[in-house]
Amino acid sequence: MKKTFKMTHPKIKVPRLVEAIKYEVKKYIRRERRKTLPPDVDFWDFDCRFGVDEVSSDVIHLSEINKFISQAEEKQLGSFYLEILVKPGHRSKKPKENQQVNVEDSVIQNKEGEE
């Protein structure tokens, strides 16, 4: 999805437009996640960009989309650009040494709490 959303409409008020935009984005993400995964893919990942226009857009995380849309409403922007591209995602295992350190730390903390 590469789209420039307008924040003005002759009949619809801005808060209602913002709700409609957020709903459209959520609907798109749900639709893309429902697609069947290729055999070597673990999940669908998303590359997102947000800005006043396509040229000045910056990379953002998927979970920050609603926050940026709300900020655009607060700044009273006339329009904004949002790009959400789907890519295959692969899960990676956490390094074992970090897990062992965390387990040892929690055991030490539990013993200190008991005393």
PDB file of N, CA and C in Angstrom:
ATOM      1  N   MET A   1       0.851  -1.160   0.000  1.00  0.00           N
ATOM      2  CA  MET A   1       0.000   0.000   0.000  1.00  0.00           C
ATOM      3  C   MET A   1       0.900   1.227   0.000  1.00  0.00           C
ATOM      4  N   LYS A   2       0.776   2.022  -1.006  1.00  0.00           N
ATOM      5  CA  LYS A   2       1.455   3.309  -1.079  1.00  0.00           C
ATOM      6  C   LYS A   2       0.354   4.322  -1.350  1.00  0.00           C
ATOM      7  N   LYS A   3       0.089   5.169  -0.368  1.00  0.00           N
ATOM      8  CA  LYS A   3      -1.068   6.037  -0.512  1.00  0.00           C
ATOM      9  C   LYS A   3      -0.856   7.360   0.206  1.00  0.00           C
ATOM     10  N   THR A   4      -1.375   8.425  -0.401  1.00  0.00           N
ATOM     11  CA  THR A   4      -1.414   9.729   0.243  1.00  0.00           C
ATOM     12  C   THR A   4      -2.839   9.946   0.734  1.00  0.00           C
ATOM     13  N   PHE A   5      -2.988  10.076   2.036  1.00  0.00           N
ATOM     14  CA  PHE A   5      -4.300  10.260   2.648  1.00  0.00           C
ATOM     15  C   PHE A   5      -4.567  11.747   2.828  1.00  0.00           C
ATOM     16  N   LYS A   6      -5.757  12.186   2.443  1.00  0.00           N
ATOM     17  CA  LYS A   6      -6.159  13.583   2.637  1.00  0.00           C
ATOM     18  C   LYS A   6      -6.888  13.709   3.970  1.00  0.00           C
ATOM     19  N   MET A   7      -6.579  14.772   4.684  1.00  0.00           N
ATOM     20  CA  MET A   7      -7.178  14.998   6.003  1.00  0.00           C
ATOM     21  C   MET A   7      -8.275  16.062   5.947  1.00  0.00           C
ATOM     22  N   THR A   8      -8.720  16.395   4.756  1.00  0.00           N
ATOM     23  CA  THR A   8      -9.795  17.369   4.611  1.00  0.00           C
ATOM     24  C   THR A   8     -10.890  16.773   3.736  1.00  0.00           C
ATOM     25  N   HIS A   9     -12.116  17.135   4.072  1.00  0.00           N
ATOM     26  CA  HIS A   9     -13.274  16.695   3.300  1.00  0.00           C
ATOM     27  C   HIS A   9     -14.378  17.706   3.544  1.00  0.00           C
ATOM     28  N   PRO A  10     -15.160  18.044   2.517  1.00  0.00           N
ATOM     29  CA  PRO A  10     -16.188  19.077   2.708  1.00  0.00           C
ATOM     30  C   PRO A  10     -17.295  18.695   3.687  1.00  0.00           C
ATOM     31  N   LYS A  11     -17.589  17.396   3.826  1.00  0.00           N
ATOM     32  CA  LYS A  11     -18.699  16.987   4.686  1.00  0.00           C
ATOM     33  C   LYS A  11     -18.265  16.205   5.922  1.00  0.00           C
ATOM     34  N   ILE A  12     -17.140  15.525   5.846  1.00  0.00           N
ATOM     35  CA  ILE A  12     -16.712  14.665   6.950  1.00  0.00           C
ATOM     36  C   ILE A  12     -15.705  15.416   7.819  1.00  0.00           C
ATOM     37  N   LYS A  13     -15.915  15.354   9.135  1.00  0.00           N
ATOM     38  CA  LYS A  13     -15.018  16.037  10.066  1.00  0.00           C
ATOM     39  C   LYS A  13     -13.723  15.249  10.235  1.00  0.00           C
ATOM     40  N   VAL A  14     -12.670  15.941  10.627  1.00  0.00           N
ATOM     41  CA  VAL A  14     -11.323  15.362  10.717  1.00  0.00           C
ATOM     42  C   VAL A  14     -11.249  14.155  11.650  1.00  0.00           C
ATOM     43  N   PRO A  15     -11.826  14.199  12.857  1.00  0.00           N
ATOM     44  CA  PRO A  15     -11.728  13.003  13.718  1.00  0.00           C
ATOM     45  C   PRO A  15     -12.319  11.745  13.078  1.00  0.00           C
ATOM     46  N   ARG A  16     -13.386  11.915  12.348  1.00  0.00           N
ATOM     47  CA  ARG A  16     -14.007  10.770  11.665  1.00  0.00           C
ATOM     48  C   ARG A  16     -13.121  10.282  10.524  1.00  0.00           C
ATOM     49  N   LEU A  17     -12.463  11.200   9.808  1.00  0.00           N
ATOM     50  CA  LEU A  17     -11.533  10.817   8.749  1.00  0.00           C
ATOM     51  C   LEU A  17     -10.360  10.024   9.322  1.00  0.00           C
ATOM     52  N   VAL A  18      -9.848  10.464  10.462  1.00  0.00           N
ATOM     53  CA  VAL A  18      -8.725   9.783  11.097  1.00  0.00           C
ATOM     54  C   VAL A  18      -9.120   8.358  11.475  1.00  0.00           C
ATOM     55  N   GLU A  19     -10.303   8.191  12.038  1.00  0.00           N
ATOM     56  CA  GLU A  19     -10.783   6.851  12.388  1.00  0.00           C
ATOM     57  C   GLU A  19     -10.888   5.973  11.148  1.00  0.00           C
ATOM     58  N   ALA A  20     -11.389   6.537  10.061  1.00  0.00           N
ATOM     59  CA  ALA A  20     -11.544   5.783   8.814  1.00  0.00           C
ATOM     60  C   ALA A  20     -10.188   5.381   8.245  1.00  0.00           C
ATOM     61  N   ILE A  21      -9.205   6.265   8.337  1.00  0.00           N
ATOM     62  CA  ILE A  21      -7.858   5.969   7.842  1.00  0.00           C
ATOM     63  C   ILE A  21      -7.234   4.842   8.666  1.00  0.00           C
ATOM     64  N   LYS A  22      -7.346   4.938   9.995  1.00  0.00           N
ATOM     65  CA  LYS A  22      -6.785   3.904  10.859  1.00  0.00           C
ATOM     66  C   LYS A  22      -7.447   2.557  10.583  1.00  0.00           C
ATOM     67  N   TYR A  23      -8.742   2.560  10.361  1.00  0.00           N
ATOM     68  CA  TYR A  23      -9.463   1.326  10.069  1.00  0.00           C
ATOM     69  C   TYR A  23      -8.998   0.748   8.736  1.00  0.00           C
ATOM     70  N   GLU A  24      -8.816   1.603   7.736  1.00  0.00           N
ATOM     71  CA  GLU A  24      -8.367   1.134   6.419  1.00  0.00           C
ATOM     72  C   GLU A  24      -6.985   0.491   6.514  1.00  0.00           C
ATOM     73  N   VAL A  25      -6.102   1.077   7.299  1.00  0.00           N
ATOM     74  CA  VAL A  25      -4.752   0.535   7.475  1.00  0.00           C
ATOM     75  C   VAL A  25      -4.819  -0.816   8.177  1.00  0.00           C
ATOM     76  N   LYS A  26      -5.603  -0.905   9.256  1.00  0.00           N
ATOM     77  CA  LYS A  26      -5.741  -2.177   9.979  1.00  0.00           C
ATOM     78  C   LYS A  26      -6.319  -3.264   9.073  1.00  0.00           C
ATOM     79  N   LYS A  27      -7.303  -2.892   8.258  1.00  0.00           N
ATOM     80  CA  LYS A  27      -7.935  -3.841   7.360  1.00  0.00           C
ATOM     81  C   LYS A  27      -6.932  -4.362   6.334  1.00  0.00           C
ATOM     82  N   TYR A  28      -6.083  -3.482   5.816  1.00  0.00           N
ATOM     83  CA  TYR A  28      -5.059  -3.879   4.854  1.00  0.00           C
ATOM     84  C   TYR A  28      -4.062  -4.855   5.492  1.00  0.00           C
ATOM     85  N   ILE A  29      -3.626  -4.546   6.717  1.00  0.00           N
ATOM     86  CA  ILE A  29      -2.655  -5.396   7.401  1.00  0.00           C
ATOM     87  C   ILE A  29      -3.262  -6.772   7.679  1.00  0.00           C
ATOM     88  N   ARG A  30      -4.517  -6.802   8.148  1.00  0.00           N
ATOM     89  CA  ARG A  30      -5.187  -8.082   8.390  1.00  0.00           C
ATOM     90  C   ARG A  30      -5.288  -8.900   7.103  1.00  0.00           C
ATOM     91  N   ARG A  31      -5.642  -8.251   6.009  1.00  0.00           N
ATOM     92  CA  ARG A  31      -5.791  -8.939   4.724  1.00  0.00           C
ATOM     93  C   ARG A  31      -4.459  -9.540   4.272  1.00  0.00           C
ATOM     94  N   GLU A  32      -3.384  -8.792   4.428  1.00  0.00           N
ATOM     95  CA  GLU A  32      -2.076  -9.288   4.019  1.00  0.00           C
ATOM     96  C   GLU A  32      -1.603 -10.438   4.904  1.00  0.00           C
ATOM     97  N   ARG A  33      -1.885 -10.378   6.190  1.00  0.00           N
ATOM     98  CA  ARG A  33      -1.466 -11.446   7.105  1.00  0.00           C
ATOM     99  C   ARG A  33      -2.222 -12.749   6.871  1.00  0.00           C
ATOM    100  N   ARG A  34      -3.420 -12.667   6.307  1.00  0.00           N
ATOM    101  CA  ARG A  34      -4.226 -13.863   6.035  1.00  0.00           C
ATOM    102  C   ARG A  34      -3.724 -14.647   4.828  1.00  0.00           C
ATOM    103  N   LYS A  35      -2.926 -14.038   3.972  1.00  0.00           N
ATOM    104  CA  LYS A  35      -2.440 -14.722   2.776  1.00  0.00           C
ATOM    105  C   LYS A  35      -1.567 -15.907   3.173  1.00  0.00           C
ATOM    106  N   THR A  36      -1.595 -16.941   2.340  1.00  0.00           N
ATOM    107  CA  THR A  36      -0.832 -18.148   2.658  1.00  0.00           C
ATOM    108  C   THR A  36       0.662 -17.861   2.576  1.00  0.00           C
ATOM    109  N   LEU A  37       1.382 -18.467   3.506  1.00  0.00           N
ATOM    110  CA  LEU A  37       2.827 -18.266   3.586  1.00  0.00           C
ATOM    111  C   LEU A  37       3.555 -19.242   2.661  1.00  0.00           C
ATOM    112  N   PRO A  38       4.617 -18.793   2.002  1.00  0.00           N
ATOM    113  CA  PRO A  38       5.457 -19.729   1.254  1.00  0.00           C
ATOM    114  C   PRO A  38       6.106 -20.727   2.222  1.00  0.00           C
ATOM    115  N   PRO A  39       6.590 -21.852   1.743  1.00  0.00           N
ATOM    116  CA  PRO A  39       7.102 -22.907   2.639  1.00  0.00           C
ATOM    117  C   PRO A  39       8.249 -22.473   3.555  1.00  0.00           C
ATOM    118  N   ASP A  40       9.132 -21.597   3.120  1.00  0.00           N
ATOM    119  CA  ASP A  40      10.303 -21.247   3.917  1.00  0.00           C
ATOM    120  C   ASP A  40      10.126 -19.959   4.717  1.00  0.00           C
ATOM    121  N   VAL A  41       8.894 -19.458   4.824  1.00  0.00           N
ATOM    122  CA  VAL A  41       8.623 -18.193   5.507  1.00  0.00           C
ATOM    123  C   VAL A  41       7.865 -18.469   6.808  1.00  0.00           C
ATOM    124  N   ASP A  42       8.249 -17.772   7.890  1.00  0.00           N
ATOM    125  CA  ASP A  42       7.609 -17.968   9.191  1.00  0.00           C
ATOM    126  C   ASP A  42       6.412 -17.042   9.411  1.00  0.00           C
ATOM    127  N   PHE A  43       6.487 -15.804   8.909  1.00  0.00           N
ATOM    128  CA  PHE A  43       5.401 -14.843   9.092  1.00  0.00           C
ATOM    129  C   PHE A  43       5.557 -13.730   8.068  1.00  0.00           C
ATOM    130  N   TRP A  44       4.514 -12.913   7.939  1.00  0.00           N
ATOM    131  CA  TRP A  44       4.576 -11.742   7.062  1.00  0.00           C
ATOM    132  C   TRP A  44       5.089 -10.562   7.874  1.00  0.00           C
ATOM    133  N   ASP A  45       6.097  -9.906   7.367  1.00  0.00           N
ATOM    134  CA  ASP A  45       6.673  -8.720   7.999  1.00  0.00           C
ATOM    135  C   ASP A  45       6.323  -7.518   7.130  1.00  0.00           C
ATOM    136  N   PHE A  46       6.433  -6.314   7.687  1.00  0.00           N
ATOM    137  CA  PHE A  46       6.041  -5.118   6.965  1.00  0.00           C
ATOM    138  C   PHE A  46       7.134  -4.057   7.047  1.00  0.00           C
ATOM    139  N   ASP A  47       7.405  -3.416   5.917  1.00  0.00           N
ATOM    140  CA  ASP A  47       8.261  -2.230   5.872  1.00  0.00           C
ATOM    141  C   ASP A  47       7.329  -1.033   5.776  1.00  0.00           C
ATOM    142  N   CYS A  48       7.474  -0.066   6.687  1.00  0.00           N
ATOM    143  CA  CYS A  48       6.566   1.073   6.738  1.00  0.00           C
ATOM    144  C   CYS A  48       7.337   2.382   6.618  1.00  0.00           C
ATOM    145  N   ARG A  49       6.729   3.331   5.951  1.00  0.00           N
ATOM    146  CA  ARG A  49       7.277   4.684   5.827  1.00  0.00           C
ATOM    147  C   ARG A  49       6.133   5.666   6.028  1.00  0.00           C
ATOM    148  N   PHE A  50       6.436   6.784   6.659  1.00  0.00           N
ATOM    149  CA  PHE A  50       5.419   7.805   6.931  1.00  0.00           C
ATOM    150  C   PHE A  50       6.047   9.176   6.738  1.00  0.00           C
ATOM    151  N   GLY A  51       5.285  10.101   6.138  1.00  0.00           N
ATOM    152  CA  GLY A  51       5.784  11.455   5.969  1.00  0.00           C
ATOM    153  C   GLY A  51       4.721  12.363   5.366  1.00  0.00           C
ATOM    154  N   VAL A  52       5.096  13.618   5.223  1.00  0.00           N
ATOM    155  CA  VAL A  52       4.180  14.583   4.623  1.00  0.00           C
ATOM    156  C   VAL A  52       3.970  14.251   3.148  1.00  0.00           C
ATOM    157  N   ASP A  53       5.044  13.812   2.475  1.00  0.00           N
ATOM    158  CA  ASP A  53       4.943  13.363   1.091  1.00  0.00           C
ATOM    159  C   ASP A  53       5.902  12.185   0.902  1.00  0.00           C
ATOM    160  N   GLU A  54       5.884  11.601  -0.291  1.00  0.00           N
ATOM    161  CA  GLU A  54       6.673  10.399  -0.546  1.00  0.00           C
ATOM    162  C   GLU A  54       8.171  10.661  -0.427  1.00  0.00           C
ATOM    163  N   VAL A  55       8.617  11.817  -0.861  1.00  0.00           N
ATOM    164  CA  VAL A  55      10.047  12.136  -0.855  1.00  0.00           C
ATOM    165  C   VAL A  55      10.580  12.294   0.572  1.00  0.00           C
ATOM    166  N   SER A  56       9.811  12.910   1.440  1.00  0.00           N
ATOM    167  CA  SER A  56      10.282  13.195   2.801  1.00  0.00           C
ATOM    168  C   SER A  56       9.837  12.150   3.826  1.00  0.00           C
ATOM    169  N   SER A  57       9.371  10.992   3.366  1.00  0.00           N
ATOM    170  CA  SER A  57       8.892   9.979   4.313  1.00  0.00           C
ATOM    171  C   SER A  57      10.060   9.270   4.983  1.00  0.00           C
ATOM    172  N   ASP A  58       9.857   8.901   6.254  1.00  0.00           N
ATOM    173  CA  ASP A  58      10.861   8.217   7.052  1.00  0.00           C
ATOM    174  C   ASP A  58      10.381   6.821   7.406  1.00  0.00           C
ATOM    175  N   VAL A  59      11.316   5.929   7.650  1.00  0.00           N
ATOM    176  CA  VAL A  59      11.002   4.548   8.040  1.00  0.00           C
ATOM    177  C   VAL A  59      10.466   4.546   9.472  1.00  0.00           C
ATOM    178  N   ILE A  60       9.351   3.840   9.686  1.00  0.00           N
ATOM    179  CA  ILE A  60       8.768   3.697  11.019  1.00  0.00           C
ATOM    180  C   ILE A  60       8.454   2.222  11.250  1.00  0.00           C
ATOM    181  N   HIS A  61       8.164   1.867  12.487  1.00  0.00           N
ATOM    182  CA  HIS A  61       7.776   0.498  12.824  1.00  0.00           C
ATOM    183  C   HIS A  61       6.274   0.352  12.650  1.00  0.00           C
ATOM    184  N   LEU A  62       5.832  -0.849  12.366  1.00  0.00           N
ATOM    185  CA  LEU A  62       4.410  -1.122  12.141  1.00  0.00           C
ATOM    186  C   LEU A  62       3.551  -0.684  13.318  1.00  0.00           C
ATOM    187  N   SER A  63       4.046  -0.888  14.537  1.00  0.00           N
ATOM    188  CA  SER A  63       3.247  -0.555  15.718  1.00  0.00           C
ATOM    189  C   SER A  63       3.125   0.943  15.946  1.00  0.00           C
ATOM    190  N   GLU A  64       3.882   1.770  15.243  1.00  0.00           N
ATOM    191  CA  GLU A  64       3.849   3.218  15.426  1.00  0.00           C
ATOM    192  C   GLU A  64       2.927   3.944  14.446  1.00  0.00           C
ATOM    193  N   ILE A  65       2.275   3.215  13.568  1.00  0.00           N
ATOM    194  CA  ILE A  65       1.461   3.854  12.529  1.00  0.00           C
ATOM    195  C   ILE A  65       0.355   4.710  13.131  1.00  0.00           C
ATOM    196  N   ASN A  66      -0.412   4.159  14.080  1.00  0.00           N
ATOM    197  CA  ASN A  66      -1.515   4.919  14.681  1.00  0.00           C
ATOM    198  C   ASN A  66      -1.012   6.173  15.385  1.00  0.00           C
ATOM    199  N   LYS A  67       0.140   6.083  16.043  1.00  0.00           N
ATOM    200  CA  LYS A  67       0.713   7.240  16.732  1.00  0.00           C
ATOM    201  C   LYS A  67       1.040   8.352  15.731  1.00  0.00           C
ATOM    202  N   PHE A  68       1.625   7.989  14.589  1.00  0.00           N
ATOM    203  CA  PHE A  68       1.978   8.993  13.596  1.00  0.00           C
ATOM    204  C   PHE A  68       0.739   9.596  12.937  1.00  0.00           C
ATOM    205  N   ILE A  69      -0.296   8.800  12.735  1.00  0.00           N
ATOM    206  CA  ILE A  69      -1.540   9.325  12.171  1.00  0.00           C
ATOM    207  C   ILE A  69      -2.162  10.324  13.152  1.00  0.00           C
ATOM    208  N   SER A  70      -2.150  10.010  14.445  1.00  0.00           N
ATOM    209  CA  SER A  70      -2.678  10.928  15.457  1.00  0.00           C
ATOM    210  C   SER A  70      -1.864  12.208  15.519  1.00  0.00           C
ATOM    211  N   GLN A  71      -0.546  12.095  15.362  1.00  0.00           N
ATOM    212  CA  GLN A  71       0.296  13.292  15.346  1.00  0.00           C
ATOM    213  C   GLN A  71      -0.007  14.161  14.128  1.00  0.00           C
ATOM    214  N   ALA A  72      -0.294  13.535  12.997  1.00  0.00           N
ATOM    215  CA  ALA A  72      -0.662  14.295  11.793  1.00  0.00           C
ATOM    216  C   ALA A  72      -1.960  15.056  12.031  1.00  0.00           C
ATOM    217  N   GLU A  73      -2.879  14.447  12.773  1.00  0.00           N
ATOM    218  CA  GLU A  73      -4.137  15.119  13.111  1.00  0.00           C
ATOM    219  C   GLU A  73      -3.867  16.315  14.026  1.00  0.00           C
ATOM    220  N   GLU A  74      -2.998  16.124  15.033  1.00  0.00           N
ATOM    221  CA  GLU A  74      -2.680  17.205  15.965  1.00  0.00           C
ATOM    222  C   GLU A  74      -1.983  18.373  15.263  1.00  0.00           C
ATOM    223  N   LYS A  75      -1.119  18.047  14.299  1.00  0.00           N
ATOM    224  CA  LYS A  75      -0.396  19.092  13.559  1.00  0.00           C
ATOM    225  C   LYS A  75      -1.273  19.735  12.484  1.00  0.00           C
ATOM    226  N   GLN A  76      -2.466  19.205  12.300  1.00  0.00           N
ATOM    227  CA  GLN A  76      -3.434  19.695  11.323  1.00  0.00           C
ATOM    228  C   GLN A  76      -2.861  19.693   9.903  1.00  0.00           C
ATOM    229  N   LEU A  77      -2.240  18.566   9.539  1.00  0.00           N
ATOM    230  CA  LEU A  77      -1.701  18.423   8.187  1.00  0.00           C
ATOM    231  C   LEU A  77      -2.845  18.267   7.193  1.00  0.00           C
ATOM    232  N   GLY A  78      -2.661  18.778   5.989  1.00  0.00           N
ATOM    233  CA  GLY A  78      -3.672  18.639   4.952  1.00  0.00           C
ATOM    234  C   GLY A  78      -3.709  17.228   4.386  1.00  0.00           C
ATOM    235  N   SER A  79      -2.540  16.580   4.350  1.00  0.00           N
ATOM    236  CA  SER A  79      -2.441  15.205   3.877  1.00  0.00           C
ATOM    237  C   SER A  79      -1.132  14.604   4.374  1.00  0.00           C
ATOM    238  N   PHE A  80      -1.028  13.280   4.284  1.00  0.00           N
ATOM    239  CA  PHE A  80       0.208  12.600   4.639  1.00  0.00           C
ATOM    240  C   PHE A  80       0.360  11.360   3.782  1.00  0.00           C
ATOM    241  N   TYR A  81       1.594  10.896   3.667  1.00  0.00           N
ATOM    242  CA  TYR A  81       1.922   9.737   2.851  1.00  0.00           C
ATOM    243  C   TYR A  81       2.213   8.544   3.769  1.00  0.00           C
ATOM    244  N   LEU A  82       1.631   7.398   3.444  1.00  0.00           N
ATOM    245  CA  LEU A  82       1.864   6.179   4.215  1.00  0.00           C
ATOM    246  C   LEU A  82       2.153   5.045   3.246  1.00  0.00           C
ATOM    247  N   GLU A  83       3.237   4.323   3.519  1.00  0.00           N
ATOM    248  CA  GLU A  83       3.637   3.200   2.676  1.00  0.00           C
ATOM    249  C   GLU A  83       3.803   1.980   3.567  1.00  0.00           C
ATOM    250  N   ILE A  84       3.111   0.911   3.215  1.00  0.00           N
ATOM    251  CA  ILE A  84       3.222  -0.348   3.940  1.00  0.00           C
ATOM    252  C   ILE A  84       3.484  -1.436   2.904  1.00  0.00           C
ATOM    253  N   LEU A  85       4.682  -2.018   2.951  1.00  0.00           N
ATOM    254  CA  LEU A  85       5.046  -3.061   2.006  1.00  0.00           C
ATOM    255  C   LEU A  85       5.256  -4.368   2.757  1.00  0.00           C
ATOM    256  N   VAL A  86       4.720  -5.442   2.195  1.00  0.00           N
ATOM    257  CA  VAL A  86       4.802  -6.756   2.814  1.00  0.00           C
ATOM    258  C   VAL A  86       6.096  -7.433   2.371  1.00  0.00           C
ATOM    259  N   LYS A  87       6.740  -8.115   3.320  1.00  0.00           N
ATOM    260  CA  LYS A  87       7.933  -8.902   2.997  1.00  0.00           C
ATOM    261  C   LYS A  87       7.903 -10.171   3.848  1.00  0.00           C
ATOM    262  N   PRO A  88       8.552 -11.232   3.383  1.00  0.00           N
ATOM    263  CA  PRO A  88       8.582 -12.459   4.181  1.00  0.00           C
ATOM    264  C   PRO A  88       9.457 -12.277   5.412  1.00  0.00           C
ATOM    265  N   GLY A  89       9.018 -12.833   6.526  1.00  0.00           N
ATOM    266  CA  GLY A  89       9.764 -12.734   7.776  1.00  0.00           C
ATOM    267  C   GLY A  89      10.255 -14.096   8.224  1.00  0.00           C
ATOM    268  N   HIS A  90      11.446 -14.107   8.789  1.00  0.00           N
ATOM    269  CA  HIS A  90      12.042 -15.348   9.278  1.00  0.00           C
ATOM    270  C   HIS A  90      12.385 -15.177  10.747  1.00  0.00           C
ATOM    271  N   ARG A  91      11.952 -16.116  11.561  1.00  0.00           N
ATOM    272  CA  ARG A  91      12.242 -16.066  12.991  1.00  0.00           C
ATOM    273  C   ARG A  91      13.691 -16.485  13.219  1.00  0.00           C
ATOM    274  N   SER A  92      14.316 -15.811  14.170  1.00  0.00           N
ATOM    275  CA  SER A  92      15.684 -16.178  14.532  1.00  0.00           C
ATOM    276  C   SER A  92      15.716 -16.529  16.007  1.00  0.00           C
ATOM    277  N   LYS A  93      16.522 -17.508  16.340  1.00  0.00           N
ATOM    278  CA  LYS A  93      16.623 -17.944  17.729  1.00  0.00           C
ATOM    279  C   LYS A  93      17.495 -16.965  18.495  1.00  0.00           C
ATOM    280  N   LYS A  94      17.172 -16.777  19.766  1.00  0.00           N
ATOM    281  CA  LYS A  94      17.978 -15.918  20.612  1.00  0.00           C
ATOM    282  C   LYS A  94      19.286 -16.639  20.954  1.00  0.00           C
ATOM    283  N   PRO A  95      20.366 -15.894  21.110  1.00  0.00           N
ATOM    284  CA  PRO A  95      21.625 -16.541  21.502  1.00  0.00           C
ATOM    285  C   PRO A  95      21.489 -17.204  22.864  1.00  0.00           C
ATOM    286  N   LYS A  96      22.074 -18.397  23.018  1.00  0.00           N
ATOM    287  CA  LYS A  96      21.925 -19.167  24.261  1.00  0.00           C
ATOM    288  C   LYS A  96      22.617 -18.497  25.443  1.00  0.00           C
ATOM    289  N   GLU A  97      23.744 -17.828  25.218  1.00  0.00           N
ATOM    290  CA  GLU A  97      24.460 -17.225  26.347  1.00  0.00           C
ATOM    291  C   GLU A  97      23.639 -16.131  27.016  1.00  0.00           C
ATOM    292  N   ASN A  98      22.848 -15.386  26.275  1.00  0.00           N
ATOM    293  CA  ASN A  98      21.983 -14.365  26.879  1.00  0.00           C
ATOM    294  C   ASN A  98      20.891 -15.006  27.720  1.00  0.00           C
ATOM    295  N   GLN A  99      20.361 -16.132  27.267  1.00  0.00           N
ATOM    296  CA  GLN A  99      19.318 -16.809  28.027  1.00  0.00           C
ATOM    297  C   GLN A  99      19.876 -17.353  29.339  1.00  0.00           C
ATOM    298  N   GLN A 100      21.102 -17.905  29.317  1.00  0.00           N
ATOM    299  CA  GLN A 100      21.694 -18.438  30.528  1.00  0.00           C
ATOM    300  C   GLN A 100      21.977 -17.339  31.529  1.00  0.00           C
ATOM    301  N   VAL A 101      22.468 -16.196  31.061  1.00  0.00           N
ATOM    302  CA  VAL A 101      22.758 -15.070  31.950  1.00  0.00           C
ATOM    303  C   VAL A 101      21.469 -14.586  32.594  1.00  0.00           C
ATOM    304  N   ASN A 102      20.398 -14.476  31.830  1.00  0.00           N
ATOM    305  CA  ASN A 102      19.121 -14.023  32.372  1.00  0.00           C
ATOM    306  C   ASN A 102      18.588 -14.991  33.422  1.00  0.00           C
ATOM    307  N   VAL A 103      18.743 -16.284  33.203  1.00  0.00           N
ATOM    308  CA  VAL A 103      18.272 -17.279  34.168  1.00  0.00           C
ATOM    309  C   VAL A 103      19.081 -17.161  35.449  1.00  0.00           C
ATOM    310  N   GLU A 104      20.405 -17.014  35.335  1.00  0.00           N
ATOM    311  CA  GLU A 104      21.255 -16.877  36.514  1.00  0.00           C
ATOM    312  C   GLU A 104      20.920 -15.604  37.288  1.00  0.00           C
ATOM    313  N   ASP A 105      20.671 -14.503  36.573  1.00  0.00           N
ATOM    314  CA  ASP A 105      20.309 -13.240  37.221  1.00  0.00           C
ATOM    315  C   ASP A 105      18.996 -13.368  37.979  1.00  0.00           C
ATOM    316  N   SER A 106      18.017 -14.052  37.391  1.00  0.00           N
ATOM    317  CA  SER A 106      16.726 -14.173  38.054  1.00  0.00           C
ATOM    318  C   SER A 106      16.836 -15.060  39.295  1.00  0.00           C
ATOM    319  N   VAL A 107      17.700 -16.079  39.246  1.00  0.00           N
ATOM    320  CA  VAL A 107      17.900 -16.936  40.413  1.00  0.00           C
ATOM    321  C   VAL A 107      18.542 -16.132  41.540  1.00  0.00           C
ATOM    322  N   ILE A 108      19.523 -15.304  41.201  1.00  0.00           N
ATOM    323  CA  ILE A 108      20.195 -14.464  42.197  1.00  0.00           C
ATOM    324  C   ILE A 108      19.205 -13.471  42.797  1.00  0.00           C
ATOM    325  N   GLN A 109      18.362 -12.872  41.953  1.00  0.00           N
ATOM    326  CA  GLN A 109      17.390 -11.899  42.439  1.00  0.00           C
ATOM    327  C   GLN A 109      16.367 -12.573  43.357  1.00  0.00           C
ATOM    328  N   ASN A 110      15.949 -13.787  43.030  1.00  0.00           N
ATOM    329  CA  ASN A 110      14.992 -14.503  43.865  1.00  0.00           C
ATOM    330  C   ASN A 110      15.584 -14.826  45.235  1.00  0.00           C
ATOM    331  N   LYS A 111      16.855 -15.210  45.263  1.00  0.00           N
ATOM    332  CA  LYS A 111      17.494 -15.518  46.540  1.00  0.00           C
ATOM    333  C   LYS A 111      17.652 -14.276  47.403  1.00  0.00           C
ATOM    334  N   GLU A 112      17.961 -13.136  46.775  1.00  0.00           N
ATOM    335  CA  GLU A 112      18.099 -11.896  47.514  1.00  0.00           C
ATOM    336  C   GLU A 112      16.754 -11.451  48.083  1.00  0.00           C
ATOM    337  N   GLY A 113      15.673 -11.700  47.329  1.00  0.00           N
ATOM    338  CA  GLY A 113      14.333 -11.307  47.775  1.00  0.00           C
ATOM    339  C   GLY A 113      13.848 -12.122  48.959  1.00  0.00           C
ATOM    340  N   GLU A 114      14.318 -13.375  49.054  1.00  0.00           N
ATOM    341  CA  GLU A 114      13.893 -14.254  50.143  1.00  0.00           C
ATOM    342  C   GLU A 114      14.542 -13.886  51.469  1.00  0.00           C
ATOM    343  N   GLU A 115      15.742 -13.301  51.407  1.00  0.00           N
ATOM    344  CA  GLU A 115      16.479 -12.997  52.634  1.00  0.00           C
ATOM    345  C   GLU A 115      15.942 -11.825  53.363  1.00  0.00           C
TER     346      GLU A 115
END
